[in-house]
C-alpha atoms as a PDB file:
ATOM      1  CA  UNK A   1     118.139  57.796  42.538  1.00  0.00           C
ATOM      2  CA  UNK A   2     119.122  56.194  45.629  1.00  0.00           C
ATOM      3  CA  UNK A   3     122.622  55.632  44.376  1.00  0.00           C
ATOM      4  CA  UNK A   4     123.227  59.287  43.501  1.00  0.00           C
ATOM      5  CA  UNK A   5     125.616  61.502  45.302  1.00  0.00           C
ATOM      6  CA  UNK A   6     124.014  64.120  47.268  1.00  0.00           C
ATOM      7  CA  UNK A   7     125.068  66.974  45.140  1.00  0.00           C
ATOM      8  CA  UNK A   8     123.547  65.133  41.760  1.00  0.00           C
ATOM      9  CA  UNK A   9     120.181  64.226  43.699  1.00  0.00           C
ATOM     10  CA  UNK A  10     119.704  67.890  44.939  1.00  0.00           C
ATOM     11  CA  UNK A  11     120.102  69.271  41.707  1.00  0.00           C
ATOM     12  CA  UNK A  12     117.764  66.468  40.222  1.00  0.00           C
ATOM     13  CA  UNK A  13     115.056  67.025  42.915  1.00  0.00           C
ATOM     14  CA  UNK A  14     115.230  70.584  42.276  1.00  0.00           C
ATOM     15  CA  UNK A  15     114.593  70.415  38.605  1.00  0.00           C
ATOM     16  CA  UNK A  16     111.700  67.799  39.187  1.00  0.00           C
ATOM     17  CA  UNK A  17     110.084  70.118  41.521  1.00  0.00           C
ATOM     18  CA  UNK A  18     110.441  72.999  39.178  1.00  0.00           C
ATOM     19  CA  UNK A  19     108.908  70.816  36.298  1.00  0.00           C
ATOM     20  CA  UNK A  20     105.955  69.468  38.763  1.00  0.00           C
ATOM     21  CA  UNK A  21     107.181  65.877  38.206  1.00  0.00           C
ATOM     22  CA  UNK A  22     106.279  63.740  41.222  1.00  0.00           C
ATOM     23  CA  UNK A  23     107.904  60.321  42.350  1.00  0.00           C
ATOM     24  CA  UNK A  24     105.814  56.917  42.598  1.00  0.00           C
ATOM     25  CA  UNK A  25     107.760  54.599  44.662  1.00  0.00           C
ATOM     26  CA  UNK A  26     107.142  51.113  46.063  1.00  0.00           C
ATOM     27  CA  UNK A  27     108.467  49.009  49.053  1.00  0.00           C
ATOM     28  CA  UNK A  28     112.272  49.089  48.475  1.00  0.00           C
ATOM     29  CA  UNK A  29     114.152  45.709  48.419  1.00  0.00           C
ATOM     30  CA  UNK A  30     117.769  44.753  49.072  1.00  0.00           C
ATOM     31  CA  UNK A  31     119.778  47.894  49.889  1.00  0.00           C
ATOM     32  CA  UNK A  32     117.997  50.246  47.524  1.00  0.00           C
ATOM     33  CA  UNK A  33     116.050  52.897  49.303  1.00  0.00           C
ATOM     34  CA  UNK A  34     114.658  55.992  47.685  1.00  0.00           C
ATOM     35  CA  UNK A  35     115.737  59.245  49.315  1.00  0.00           C
ATOM     36  CA  UNK A  36     112.055  60.201  49.805  1.00  0.00           C
ATOM     37  CA  UNK A  37     112.669  62.579  52.562  1.00  0.00           C
ATOM     38  CA  UNK A  38     115.293  64.784  50.414  1.00  0.00           C
ATOM     39  CA  UNK A  39     112.778  64.642  47.376  1.00  0.00           C
ATOM     40  CA  UNK A  40     110.053  66.131  49.524  1.00  0.00           C
ATOM     41  CA  UNK A  41     112.234  68.745  51.215  1.00  0.00           C
ATOM     42  CA  UNK A  42     112.890  69.859  47.696  1.00  0.00           C
ATOM     43  CA  UNK A  43     109.128  70.207  46.666  1.00  0.00           C
ATOM     44  CA  UNK A  44     108.647  67.146  44.730  1.00  0.00           C
ATOM     45  CA  UNK A  45     105.406  65.194  45.486  1.00  0.00           C
ATOM     46  CA  UNK A  46     106.367  61.782  46.605  1.00  0.00           C
ATOM     47  CA  UNK A  47     104.097  58.715  46.660  1.00  0.00           C
ATOM     48  CA  UNK A  48     104.337  55.275  47.863  1.00  0.00           C
ATOM     49  CA  UNK A  49     102.306  52.011  47.000  1.00  0.00           C
ATOM     50  CA  UNK A  50     102.289  49.124  44.876  1.00  0.00           C
ATOM     51  CA  UNK A  51     100.957  48.129  41.364  1.00  0.00           C
ATOM     52  CA  UNK A  52     100.333  44.584  42.116  1.00  0.00           C
ATOM     53  CA  UNK A  53      99.863  42.109  44.574  1.00  0.00           C
ATOM     54  CA  UNK A  54     103.720  40.807  44.666  1.00  0.00           C
ATOM     55  CA  UNK A  55     104.822  40.482  48.325  1.00  0.00           C
ATOM     56  CA  UNK A  56     108.763  41.395  48.563  1.00  0.00           C
ATOM     57  CA  UNK A  57     108.504  40.875  52.280  1.00  0.00           C
ATOM     58  CA  UNK A  58     107.626  37.113  51.657  1.00  0.00           C
ATOM     59  CA  UNK A  59     107.088  36.197  48.009  1.00  0.00           C
ATOM     60  CA  UNK A  60     105.811  32.697  48.863  1.00  0.00           C
ATOM     61  CA  UNK A  61     102.939  34.247  51.106  1.00  0.00           C
ATOM     62  CA  UNK A  62      99.780  36.012  50.016  1.00  0.00           C
ATOM     63  CA  UNK A  63     100.596  39.820  49.889  1.00  0.00           C
ATOM     64  CA  UNK A  64      98.721  41.707  52.757  1.00  0.00           C
ATOM     65  CA  UNK A  65      99.167  45.437  52.200  1.00  0.00           C
ATOM     66  CA  UNK A  66      98.277  46.409  55.667  1.00  0.00           C
ATOM     67  CA  UNK A  67     101.196  44.318  56.926  1.00  0.00           C
ATOM     68  CA  UNK A  68     103.935  45.634  54.721  1.00  0.00           C
ATOM     69  CA  UNK A  69     103.098  49.469  54.528  1.00  0.00           C
ATOM     70  CA  UNK A  70     103.728  50.093  58.106  1.00  0.00           C
ATOM     71  CA  UNK A  71     107.159  48.408  57.692  1.00  0.00           C
ATOM     72  CA  UNK A  72     107.914  50.557  54.698  1.00  0.00           C
ATOM     73  CA  UNK A  73     106.768  53.776  56.526  1.00  0.00           C
ATOM     74  CA  UNK A  74     109.498  53.050  59.260  1.00  0.00           C
ATOM     75  CA  UNK A  75     112.355  53.129  56.854  1.00  0.00           C
ATOM     76  CA  UNK A  76     112.035  56.935  56.491  1.00  0.00           C
ATOM     77  CA  UNK A  77     111.287  57.898  60.044  1.00  0.00           C
END
């Protein structure tokens, strides 16, 4: 969804919201940033988190979610 045009994103977000489909996203990597604010504005329930202990911020370090989540939150402010 991060690569969709604004028109396609708006259309898709409205359809997701009307179908009551939510989106779960994790910390982005590279230049891929999910359009979470636009999805929320359209009424889509948005959740962030992770399903494992992989640390994209430092793959050779033990994952510490309390350190990576604040970084994630600042991306959409």
